[in-house]
Amino acid sequence: MLITFNDTIISVCVLPVGISFLTKRQPGLLFGKNYGCKFWWYIWEIAVVFSIFLVICLCTTRTYSLLRPFKRLSIKCLVVAVVIYLALQLLLHSVLSEKLL
């Protein structure tokens, strides 16, 4: 469910770029302003990095279940890892966006 939500966010983030390409690269409402570009970049970077992290979590849990098929995996640990990783990425990107933009 979380992977589907993240994929939806990525798909929605691509729409303004596609609309810009279809209108002969007119910036439109989102890319016409500086804060719009910053917002789009921030959401895009977080969504892409979080997608990679979710694939890592999926591979790790599948490997764990193959190695220990009868031991139940604690969902609490996985949720804590996702929350910590997302918080660190948000902090990192907020610091980077101030320095880069």
PDB file of N, CA and C in Angstrom:
ATOM      1  N   MET A   1       0.821  -1.184   0.000  1.00  0.00           N
ATOM      2  CA  MET A   1       0.000   0.000   0.000  1.00  0.00           C
ATOM      3  C   MET A   1       0.871   1.257   0.000  1.00  0.00           C
ATOM      4  N   LEU A   2       1.947   1.248   0.774  1.00  0.00           N
ATOM      5  CA  LEU A   2       2.844   2.401   0.829  1.00  0.00           C
ATOM      6  C   LEU A   2       3.587   2.582  -0.491  1.00  0.00           C
ATOM      7  N   ILE A   3       3.958   1.476  -1.132  1.00  0.00           N
ATOM      8  CA  ILE A   3       4.627   1.552  -2.429  1.00  0.00           C
ATOM      9  C   ILE A   3       3.676   2.118  -3.479  1.00  0.00           C
ATOM     10  N   THR A   4       2.419   1.721  -3.435  1.00  0.00           N
ATOM     11  CA  THR A   4       1.418   2.246  -4.368  1.00  0.00           C
ATOM     12  C   THR A   4       1.214   3.737  -4.161  1.00  0.00           C
ATOM     13  N   PHE A   5       1.163   4.174  -2.915  1.00  0.00           N
ATOM     14  CA  PHE A   5       1.006   5.600  -2.618  1.00  0.00           C
ATOM     15  C   PHE A   5       2.208   6.389  -3.139  1.00  0.00           C
ATOM     16  N   ASN A   6       3.403   5.875  -2.915  1.00  0.00           N
ATOM     17  CA  ASN A   6       4.606   6.552  -3.387  1.00  0.00           C
ATOM     18  C   ASN A   6       4.650   6.610  -4.915  1.00  0.00           C
ATOM     19  N   ASP A   7       4.253   5.532  -5.575  1.00  0.00           N
ATOM     20  CA  ASP A   7       4.198   5.541  -7.038  1.00  0.00           C
ATOM     21  C   ASP A   7       3.178   6.550  -7.553  1.00  0.00           C
ATOM     22  N   THR A   8       2.082   6.713  -6.838  1.00  0.00           N
ATOM     23  CA  THR A   8       1.080   7.708  -7.213  1.00  0.00           C
ATOM     24  C   THR A   8       1.642   9.117  -7.089  1.00  0.00           C
ATOM     25  N   ILE A   9       2.380   9.372  -6.023  1.00  0.00           N
ATOM     26  CA  ILE A   9       3.013  10.685  -5.834  1.00  0.00           C
ATOM     27  C   ILE A   9       3.992  10.969  -6.974  1.00  0.00           C
ATOM     28  N   ILE A  10       4.785   9.974  -7.356  1.00  0.00           N
ATOM     29  CA  ILE A  10       5.731  10.158  -8.459  1.00  0.00           C
ATOM     30  C   ILE A  10       4.985  10.436  -9.759  1.00  0.00           C
ATOM     31  N   SER A  11       3.899   9.714 -10.004  1.00  0.00           N
ATOM     32  CA  SER A  11       3.119   9.931 -11.225  1.00  0.00           C
ATOM     33  C   SER A  11       2.500  11.320 -11.255  1.00  0.00           C
ATOM     34  N   VAL A  12       2.019  11.801 -10.121  1.00  0.00           N
ATOM     35  CA  VAL A  12       1.436  13.141 -10.054  1.00  0.00           C
ATOM     36  C   VAL A  12       2.523  14.205 -10.241  1.00  0.00           C
ATOM     37  N   CYS A  13       3.722  13.932  -9.743  1.00  0.00           N
ATOM     38  CA  CYS A  13       4.825  14.890  -9.912  1.00  0.00           C
ATOM     39  C   CYS A  13       5.255  15.027 -11.367  1.00  0.00           C
ATOM     40  N   VAL A  14       5.043  14.008 -12.170  1.00  0.00           N
ATOM     41  CA  VAL A  14       5.441  14.056 -13.569  1.00  0.00           C
ATOM     42  C   VAL A  14       4.449  14.875 -14.400  1.00  0.00           C
ATOM     43  N   LEU A  15       3.214  14.998 -13.946  1.00  0.00           N
ATOM     44  CA  LEU A  15       2.195  15.713 -14.715  1.00  0.00           C
ATOM     45  C   LEU A  15       2.570  17.158 -15.067  1.00  0.00           C
ATOM     46  N   PRO A  16       3.047  17.985 -14.131  1.00  0.00           N
ATOM     47  CA  PRO A  16       3.409  19.357 -14.523  1.00  0.00           C
ATOM     48  C   PRO A  16       4.527  19.413 -15.567  1.00  0.00           C
ATOM     49  N   VAL A  17       5.449  18.464 -15.513  1.00  0.00           N
ATOM     50  CA  VAL A  17       6.528  18.426 -16.500  1.00  0.00           C
ATOM     51  C   VAL A  17       5.951  18.084 -17.867  1.00  0.00           C
ATOM     52  N   GLY A  18       5.059  17.108 -17.911  1.00  0.00           N
ATOM     53  CA  GLY A  18       4.419  16.734 -19.168  1.00  0.00           C
ATOM     54  C   GLY A  18       3.584  17.862 -19.746  1.00  0.00           C
ATOM     55  N   ILE A  19       2.864  18.561 -18.889  1.00  0.00           N
ATOM     56  CA  ILE A  19       2.055  19.689 -19.350  1.00  0.00           C
ATOM     57  C   ILE A  19       2.957  20.789 -19.892  1.00  0.00           C
ATOM     58  N   SER A  20       4.089  21.010 -19.242  1.00  0.00           N
ATOM     59  CA  SER A  20       5.044  22.011 -19.725  1.00  0.00           C
ATOM     60  C   SER A  20       5.596  21.625 -21.097  1.00  0.00           C
ATOM     61  N   PHE A  21       5.883  20.347 -21.307  1.00  0.00           N
ATOM     62  CA  PHE A  21       6.377  19.899 -22.607  1.00  0.00           C
ATOM     63  C   PHE A  21       5.309  20.035 -23.689  1.00  0.00           C
ATOM     64  N   LEU A  22       4.059  19.747 -23.347  1.00  0.00           N
ATOM     65  CA  LEU A  22       2.976  19.815 -24.330  1.00  0.00           C
ATOM     66  C   LEU A  22       2.592  21.240 -24.695  1.00  0.00           C
ATOM     67  N   THR A  23       2.899  22.206 -23.842  1.00  0.00           N
ATOM     68  CA  THR A  23       2.564  23.606 -24.119  1.00  0.00           C
ATOM     69  C   THR A  23       3.802  24.382 -24.563  1.00  0.00           C
ATOM     70  N   LYS A  24       4.664  23.716 -25.325  1.00  0.00           N
ATOM     71  CA  LYS A  24       5.871  24.345 -25.887  1.00  0.00           C
ATOM     72  C   LYS A  24       6.748  24.973 -24.800  1.00  0.00           C
ATOM     73  N   ARG A  25       6.896  24.249 -23.715  1.00  0.00           N
ATOM     74  CA  ARG A  25       7.765  24.613 -22.583  1.00  0.00           C
ATOM     75  C   ARG A  25       7.378  25.920 -21.901  1.00  0.00           C
ATOM     76  N   GLN A  26       6.098  26.223 -21.903  1.00  0.00           N
ATOM     77  CA  GLN A  26       5.610  27.348 -21.107  1.00  0.00           C
ATOM     78  C   GLN A  26       5.635  26.929 -19.647  1.00  0.00           C
ATOM     79  N   PRO A  27       6.105  27.784 -18.745  1.00  0.00           N
ATOM     80  CA  PRO A  27       6.286  27.357 -17.355  1.00  0.00           C
ATOM     81  C   PRO A  27       4.982  27.056 -16.625  1.00  0.00           C
ATOM     82  N   GLY A  28       3.905  27.682 -16.963  1.00  0.00           N
ATOM     83  CA  GLY A  28       2.636  27.412 -16.303  1.00  0.00           C
ATOM     84  C   GLY A  28       2.607  27.944 -14.877  1.00  0.00           C
ATOM     85  N   LEU A  29       1.634  27.465 -14.103  1.00  0.00           N
ATOM     86  CA  LEU A  29       1.462  27.961 -12.741  1.00  0.00           C
ATOM     87  C   LEU A  29       2.534  27.449 -11.784  1.00  0.00           C
ATOM     88  N   LEU A  30       2.915  26.199 -11.935  1.00  0.00           N
ATOM     89  CA  LEU A  30       3.854  25.609 -10.976  1.00  0.00           C
ATOM     90  C   LEU A  30       5.281  26.083 -11.208  1.00  0.00           C
ATOM     91  N   PHE A  31       5.737  26.029 -12.436  1.00  0.00           N
ATOM     92  CA  PHE A  31       7.128  26.356 -12.722  1.00  0.00           C
ATOM     93  C   PHE A  31       7.354  27.837 -13.027  1.00  0.00           C
ATOM     94  N   GLY A  32       6.298  28.623 -13.050  1.00  0.00           N
ATOM     95  CA  GLY A  32       6.440  30.046 -13.323  1.00  0.00           C
ATOM     96  C   GLY A  32       6.972  30.832 -12.136  1.00  0.00           C
ATOM     97  N   LYS A  33       6.879  30.287 -10.971  1.00  0.00           N
ATOM     98  CA  LYS A  33       7.333  30.957  -9.748  1.00  0.00           C
ATOM     99  C   LYS A  33       8.479  30.172  -9.121  1.00  0.00           C
ATOM    100  N   ASN A  34       9.329  30.865  -8.398  1.00  0.00           N
ATOM    101  CA  ASN A  34      10.474  30.242  -7.749  1.00  0.00           C
ATOM    102  C   ASN A  34      10.042  29.225  -6.695  1.00  0.00           C
ATOM    103  N   TYR A  35       9.019  29.566  -5.891  1.00  0.00           N
ATOM    104  CA  TYR A  35       8.580  28.640  -4.846  1.00  0.00           C
ATOM    105  C   TYR A  35       7.936  27.392  -5.436  1.00  0.00           C
ATOM    106  N   GLY A  36       7.323  27.508  -6.610  1.00  0.00           N
ATOM    107  CA  GLY A  36       6.739  26.342  -7.272  1.00  0.00           C
ATOM    108  C   GLY A  36       7.798  25.347  -7.692  1.00  0.00           C
ATOM    109  N   CYS A  37       8.903  25.864  -8.226  1.00  0.00           N
ATOM    110  CA  CYS A  37      10.013  24.991  -8.619  1.00  0.00           C
ATOM    111  C   CYS A  37      10.640  24.321  -7.406  1.00  0.00           C
ATOM    112  N   LYS A  38      10.817  25.095  -6.344  1.00  0.00           N
ATOM    113  CA  LYS A  38      11.386  24.519  -5.119  1.00  0.00           C
ATOM    114  C   LYS A  38      10.475  23.442  -4.554  1.00  0.00           C
ATOM    115  N   PHE A  39       9.176  23.690  -4.517  1.00  0.00           N
ATOM    116  CA  PHE A  39       8.216  22.716  -3.997  1.00  0.00           C
ATOM    117  C   PHE A  39       8.242  21.441  -4.831  1.00  0.00           C
ATOM    118  N   TRP A  40       8.231  21.584  -6.155  1.00  0.00           N
ATOM    119  CA  TRP A  40       8.241  20.422  -7.033  1.00  0.00           C
ATOM    120  C   TRP A  40       9.527  19.629  -6.835  1.00  0.00           C
ATOM    121  N   TRP A  41      10.671  20.321  -6.782  1.00  0.00           N
ATOM    122  CA  TRP A  41      11.945  19.637  -6.604  1.00  0.00           C
ATOM    123  C   TRP A  41      11.968  18.884  -5.277  1.00  0.00           C
ATOM    124  N   TYR A  42      11.466  19.499  -4.238  1.00  0.00           N
ATOM    125  CA  TYR A  42      11.459  18.893  -2.910  1.00  0.00           C
ATOM    126  C   TYR A  42      10.619  17.607  -2.904  1.00  0.00           C
ATOM    127  N   ILE A  43       9.418  17.688  -3.430  1.00  0.00           N
ATOM    128  CA  ILE A  43       8.532  16.516  -3.473  1.00  0.00           C
ATOM    129  C   ILE A  43       9.122  15.432  -4.370  1.00  0.00           C
ATOM    130  N   TRP A  44       9.664  15.816  -5.511  1.00  0.00           N
ATOM    131  CA  TRP A  44      10.236  14.839  -6.452  1.00  0.00           C
ATOM    132  C   TRP A  44      11.405  14.092  -5.818  1.00  0.00           C
ATOM    133  N   GLU A  45      12.325  14.808  -5.211  1.00  0.00           N
ATOM    134  CA  GLU A  45      13.491  14.167  -4.611  1.00  0.00           C
ATOM    135  C   GLU A  45      13.100  13.234  -3.467  1.00  0.00           C
ATOM    136  N   ILE A  46      12.198  13.675  -2.615  1.00  0.00           N
ATOM    137  CA  ILE A  46      11.764  12.827  -1.494  1.00  0.00           C
ATOM    138  C   ILE A  46      11.070  11.570  -2.009  1.00  0.00           C
ATOM    139  N   ALA A  47      10.207  11.717  -3.008  1.00  0.00           N
ATOM    140  CA  ALA A  47       9.468  10.564  -3.524  1.00  0.00           C
ATOM    141  C   ALA A  47      10.397   9.539  -4.173  1.00  0.00           C
ATOM    142  N   VAL A  48      11.365  10.004  -4.933  1.00  0.00           N
ATOM    143  CA  VAL A  48      12.291   9.084  -5.605  1.00  0.00           C
ATOM    144  C   VAL A  48      13.176   8.355  -4.591  1.00  0.00           C
ATOM    145  N   VAL A  49      13.718   9.100  -3.642  1.00  0.00           N
ATOM    146  CA  VAL A  49      14.589   8.484  -2.629  1.00  0.00           C
ATOM    147  C   VAL A  49      13.779   7.522  -1.744  1.00  0.00           C
ATOM    148  N   PHE A  50      12.557   7.903  -1.419  1.00  0.00           N
ATOM    149  CA  PHE A  50      11.720   7.034  -0.597  1.00  0.00           C
ATOM    150  C   PHE A  50      11.323   5.771  -1.354  1.00  0.00           C
ATOM    151  N   SER A  51      11.155   5.882  -2.663  1.00  0.00           N
ATOM    152  CA  SER A  51      10.863   4.707  -3.476  1.00  0.00           C
ATOM    153  C   SER A  51      12.015   3.712  -3.425  1.00  0.00           C
ATOM    154  N   ILE A  52      13.233   4.216  -3.505  1.00  0.00           N
ATOM    155  CA  ILE A  52      14.403   3.346  -3.401  1.00  0.00           C
ATOM    156  C   ILE A  52      14.455   2.685  -2.030  1.00  0.00           C
ATOM    157  N   PHE A  53      14.166   3.452  -0.988  1.00  0.00           N
ATOM    158  CA  PHE A  53      14.172   2.893   0.365  1.00  0.00           C
ATOM    159  C   PHE A  53      13.096   1.813   0.526  1.00  0.00           C
ATOM    160  N   LEU A  54      11.930   2.023  -0.056  1.00  0.00           N
ATOM    161  CA  LEU A  54      10.874   1.015   0.044  1.00  0.00           C
ATOM    162  C   LEU A  54      11.258  -0.283  -0.660  1.00  0.00           C
ATOM    163  N   VAL A  55      11.958  -0.175  -1.767  1.00  0.00           N
ATOM    164  CA  VAL A  55      12.440  -1.381  -2.448  1.00  0.00           C
ATOM    165  C   VAL A  55      13.471  -2.099  -1.583  1.00  0.00           C
ATOM    166  N   ILE A  56      14.332  -1.331  -0.909  1.00  0.00           N
ATOM    167  CA  ILE A  56      15.306  -1.933   0.009  1.00  0.00           C
ATOM    168  C   ILE A  56      14.587  -2.661   1.146  1.00  0.00           C
ATOM    169  N   CYS A  57      13.557  -2.039   1.705  1.00  0.00           N
ATOM    170  CA  CYS A  57      12.774  -2.688   2.773  1.00  0.00           C
ATOM    171  C   CYS A  57      12.107  -3.957   2.276  1.00  0.00           C
ATOM    172  N   LEU A  58      11.561  -3.903   1.078  1.00  0.00           N
ATOM    173  CA  LEU A  58      10.895  -5.076   0.511  1.00  0.00           C
ATOM    174  C   LEU A  58      11.891  -6.217   0.310  1.00  0.00           C
ATOM    175  N   CYS A  59      13.063  -5.914  -0.228  1.00  0.00           N
ATOM    176  CA  CYS A  59      14.082  -6.950  -0.431  1.00  0.00           C
ATOM    177  C   CYS A  59      14.570  -7.521   0.896  1.00  0.00           C
ATOM    178  N   THR A  60      14.736  -6.648   1.885  1.00  0.00           N
ATOM    179  CA  THR A  60      15.215  -7.095   3.194  1.00  0.00           C
ATOM    180  C   THR A  60      14.202  -8.014   3.863  1.00  0.00           C
ATOM    181  N   THR A  61      12.936  -7.636   3.830  1.00  0.00           N
ATOM    182  CA  THR A  61      11.920  -8.481   4.471  1.00  0.00           C
ATOM    183  C   THR A  61      11.736  -9.808   3.743  1.00  0.00           C
ATOM    184  N   ARG A  62      11.855  -9.798   2.435  1.00  0.00           N
ATOM    185  CA  ARG A  62      11.753 -11.063   1.693  1.00  0.00           C
ATOM    186  C   ARG A  62      12.941 -11.971   1.987  1.00  0.00           C
ATOM    187  N   THR A  63      14.121 -11.398   2.059  1.00  0.00           N
ATOM    188  CA  THR A  63      15.297 -12.199   2.399  1.00  0.00           C
ATOM    189  C   THR A  63      15.186 -12.760   3.809  1.00  0.00           C
ATOM    190  N   TYR A  64      14.711 -11.942   4.736  1.00  0.00           N
ATOM    191  CA  TYR A  64      14.527 -12.388   6.113  1.00  0.00           C
ATOM    192  C   TYR A  64      13.523 -13.548   6.172  1.00  0.00           C
ATOM    193  N   SER A  65      12.438 -13.421   5.434  1.00  0.00           N
ATOM    194  CA  SER A  65      11.436 -14.486   5.475  1.00  0.00           C
ATOM    195  C   SER A  65      11.915 -15.756   4.775  1.00  0.00           C
ATOM    196  N   LEU A  66      12.835 -15.622   3.828  1.00  0.00           N
ATOM    197  CA  LEU A  66      13.419 -16.816   3.219  1.00  0.00           C
ATOM    198  C   LEU A  66      14.403 -17.501   4.163  1.00  0.00           C
ATOM    199  N   LEU A  67      15.152 -16.705   4.910  1.00  0.00           N
ATOM    200  CA  LEU A  67      16.128 -17.276   5.842  1.00  0.00           C
ATOM    201  C   LEU A  67      15.467 -17.867   7.082  1.00  0.00           C
ATOM    202  N   ARG A  68      14.416 -17.227   7.555  1.00  0.00           N
ATOM    203  CA  ARG A  68      13.695 -17.689   8.743  1.00  0.00           C
ATOM    204  C   ARG A  68      12.206 -17.760   8.428  1.00  0.00           C
ATOM    205  N   PRO A  69      11.786 -18.807   7.730  1.00  0.00           N
ATOM    206  CA  PRO A  69      10.403 -18.860   7.251  1.00  0.00           C
ATOM    207  C   PRO A  69       9.349 -18.989   8.357  1.00  0.00           C
ATOM    208  N   PHE A  70       9.713 -19.503   9.522  1.00  0.00           N
ATOM    209  CA  PHE A  70       8.717 -19.714  10.560  1.00  0.00           C
ATOM    210  C   PHE A  70       8.748 -18.650  11.647  1.00  0.00           C
ATOM    211  N   LYS A  71       9.643 -17.692  11.533  1.00  0.00           N
ATOM    212  CA  LYS A  71       9.698 -16.606  12.522  1.00  0.00           C
ATOM    213  C   LYS A  71       8.946 -15.405  11.968  1.00  0.00           C
ATOM    214  N   ARG A  72       8.083 -14.865  12.804  1.00  0.00           N
ATOM    215  CA  ARG A  72       7.264 -13.736  12.383  1.00  0.00           C
ATOM    216  C   ARG A  72       8.088 -12.448  12.427  1.00  0.00           C
ATOM    217  N   LEU A  73       7.955 -11.647  11.387  1.00  0.00           N
ATOM    218  CA  LEU A  73       8.672 -10.381  11.287  1.00  0.00           C
ATOM    219  C   LEU A  73       7.899  -9.303  12.038  1.00  0.00           C
ATOM    220  N   SER A  74       8.612  -8.525  12.824  1.00  0.00           N
ATOM    221  CA  SER A  74       7.988  -7.456  13.590  1.00  0.00           C
ATOM    222  C   SER A  74       7.708  -6.261  12.679  1.00  0.00           C
ATOM    223  N   ILE A  75       6.447  -5.946  12.506  1.00  0.00           N
ATOM    224  CA  ILE A  75       6.048  -4.811  11.675  1.00  0.00           C
ATOM    225  C   ILE A  75       6.451  -3.498  12.348  1.00  0.00           C
ATOM    226  N   LYS A  76       6.474  -3.507  13.673  1.00  0.00           N
ATOM    227  CA  LYS A  76       6.821  -2.295  14.411  1.00  0.00           C
ATOM    228  C   LYS A  76       8.227  -1.812  14.046  1.00  0.00           C
ATOM    229  N   CYS A  77       9.166  -2.728  13.925  1.00  0.00           N
ATOM    230  CA  CYS A  77      10.535  -2.353  13.562  1.00  0.00           C
ATOM    231  C   CYS A  77      10.592  -1.759  12.156  1.00  0.00           C
ATOM    232  N   LEU A  78       9.843  -2.319  11.248  1.00  0.00           N
ATOM    233  CA  LEU A  78       9.819  -1.816   9.885  1.00  0.00           C
ATOM    234  C   LEU A  78       9.189  -0.429   9.810  1.00  0.00           C
ATOM    235  N   VAL A  79       8.122  -0.213  10.544  1.00  0.00           N
ATOM    236  CA  VAL A  79       7.468   1.100  10.560  1.00  0.00           C
ATOM    237  C   VAL A  79       8.393   2.150  11.167  1.00  0.00           C
ATOM    238  N   VAL A  80       9.075   1.797  12.241  1.00  0.00           N
ATOM    239  CA  VAL A  80      10.016   2.728  12.864  1.00  0.00           C
ATOM    240  C   VAL A  80      11.134   3.077  11.883  1.00  0.00           C
ATOM    241  N   ALA A  81      11.649   2.086  11.153  1.00  0.00           N
ATOM    242  CA  ALA A  81      12.703   2.342  10.173  1.00  0.00           C
ATOM    243  C   ALA A  81      12.219   3.279   9.071  1.00  0.00           C
ATOM    244  N   VAL A  82      11.006   3.076   8.596  1.00  0.00           N
ATOM    245  CA  VAL A  82      10.449   3.933   7.540  1.00  0.00           C
ATOM    246  C   VAL A  82      10.281   5.360   8.046  1.00  0.00           C
ATOM    247  N   VAL A  83       9.771   5.536   9.245  1.00  0.00           N
ATOM    248  CA  VAL A  83       9.552   6.879   9.800  1.00  0.00           C
ATOM    249  C   VAL A  83      10.885   7.595  10.023  1.00  0.00           C
ATOM    250  N   ILE A  84      11.863   6.892  10.571  1.00  0.00           N
ATOM    251  CA  ILE A  84      13.175   7.501  10.813  1.00  0.00           C
ATOM    252  C   ILE A  84      13.829   7.890   9.490  1.00  0.00           C
ATOM    253  N   TYR A  85      13.768   6.990   8.513  1.00  0.00           N
ATOM    254  CA  TYR A  85      14.382   7.287   7.214  1.00  0.00           C
ATOM    255  C   TYR A  85      13.710   8.475   6.536  1.00  0.00           C
ATOM    256  N   LEU A  86      12.401   8.522   6.569  1.00  0.00           N
ATOM    257  CA  LEU A  86      11.682   9.630   5.948  1.00  0.00           C
ATOM    258  C   LEU A  86      11.991  10.951   6.659  1.00  0.00           C
ATOM    259  N   ALA A  87      12.064  10.933   7.974  1.00  0.00           N
ATOM    260  CA  ALA A  87      12.394  12.147   8.724  1.00  0.00           C
ATOM    261  C   ALA A  87      13.811  12.632   8.396  1.00  0.00           C
ATOM    262  N   LEU A  88      14.760  11.705   8.300  1.00  0.00           N
ATOM    263  CA  LEU A  88      16.126  12.089   7.949  1.00  0.00           C
ATOM    264  C   LEU A  88      16.204  12.648   6.529  1.00  0.00           C
ATOM    265  N   GLN A  89      15.457  12.056   5.614  1.00  0.00           N
ATOM    266  CA  GLN A  89      15.463  12.564   4.241  1.00  0.00           C
ATOM    267  C   GLN A  89      14.826  13.943   4.154  1.00  0.00           C
ATOM    268  N   LEU A  90      13.752  14.157   4.885  1.00  0.00           N
ATOM    269  CA  LEU A  90      13.128  15.479   4.896  1.00  0.00           C
ATOM    270  C   LEU A  90      14.090  16.530   5.452  1.00  0.00           C
ATOM    271  N   LEU A  91      14.789  16.182   6.513  1.00  0.00           N
ATOM    272  CA  LEU A  91      15.771  17.095   7.096  1.00  0.00           C
ATOM    273  C   LEU A  91      16.917  17.360   6.128  1.00  0.00           C
ATOM    274  N   LEU A  92      17.428  16.313   5.512  1.00  0.00           N
ATOM    275  CA  LEU A  92      18.530  16.444   4.572  1.00  0.00           C
ATOM    276  C   LEU A  92      18.142  17.318   3.388  1.00  0.00           C
ATOM    277  N   HIS A  93      16.969  17.080   2.827  1.00  0.00           N
ATOM    278  CA  HIS A  93      16.549  17.846   1.659  1.00  0.00           C
ATOM    279  C   HIS A  93      16.194  19.282   2.012  1.00  0.00           C
ATOM    280  N   SER A  94      15.732  19.516   3.225  1.00  0.00           N
ATOM    281  CA  SER A  94      15.464  20.904   3.601  1.00  0.00           C
ATOM    282  C   SER A  94      16.772  21.678   3.758  1.00  0.00           C
ATOM    283  N   VAL A  95      17.812  21.024   4.273  1.00  0.00           N
ATOM    284  CA  VAL A  95      19.117  21.672   4.393  1.00  0.00           C
ATOM    285  C   VAL A  95      19.732  21.882   3.010  1.00  0.00           C
ATOM    286  N   LEU A  96      19.632  20.866   2.155  1.00  0.00           N
ATOM    287  CA  LEU A  96      20.188  20.983   0.807  1.00  0.00           C
ATOM    288  C   LEU A  96      19.450  22.029  -0.023  1.00  0.00           C
ATOM    289  N   SER A  97      18.144  22.117   0.131  1.00  0.00           N
ATOM    290  CA  SER A  97      17.382  23.071  -0.669  1.00  0.00           C
ATOM    291  C   SER A  97      17.749  24.504  -0.288  1.00  0.00           C
ATOM    292  N   GLU A  98      18.096  24.740   0.960  1.00  0.00           N
ATOM    293  CA  GLU A  98      18.518  26.075   1.375  1.00  0.00           C
ATOM    294  C   GLU A  98      19.889  26.420   0.786  1.00  0.00           C
ATOM    295  N   LYS A  99      20.757  25.425   0.691  1.00  0.00           N
ATOM    296  CA  LYS A  99      22.099  25.677   0.172  1.00  0.00           C
ATOM    297  C   LYS A  99      22.137  25.740  -1.347  1.00  0.00           C
ATOM    298  N   LEU A 100      21.347  24.879  -2.017  1.00  0.00           N
ATOM    299  CA  LEU A 100      21.401  24.794  -3.462  1.00  0.00           C
ATOM    300  C   LEU A 100      20.523  25.829  -4.156  1.00  0.00           C
ATOM    301  N   LEU A 101      19.368  26.106  -3.569  1.00  0.00           N
ATOM    302  CA  LEU A 101      18.441  27.001  -4.277  1.00  0.00           C
ATOM    303  C   LEU A 101      18.472  28.371  -3.734  1.00  0.00           C
TER     304      LEU A 101
END
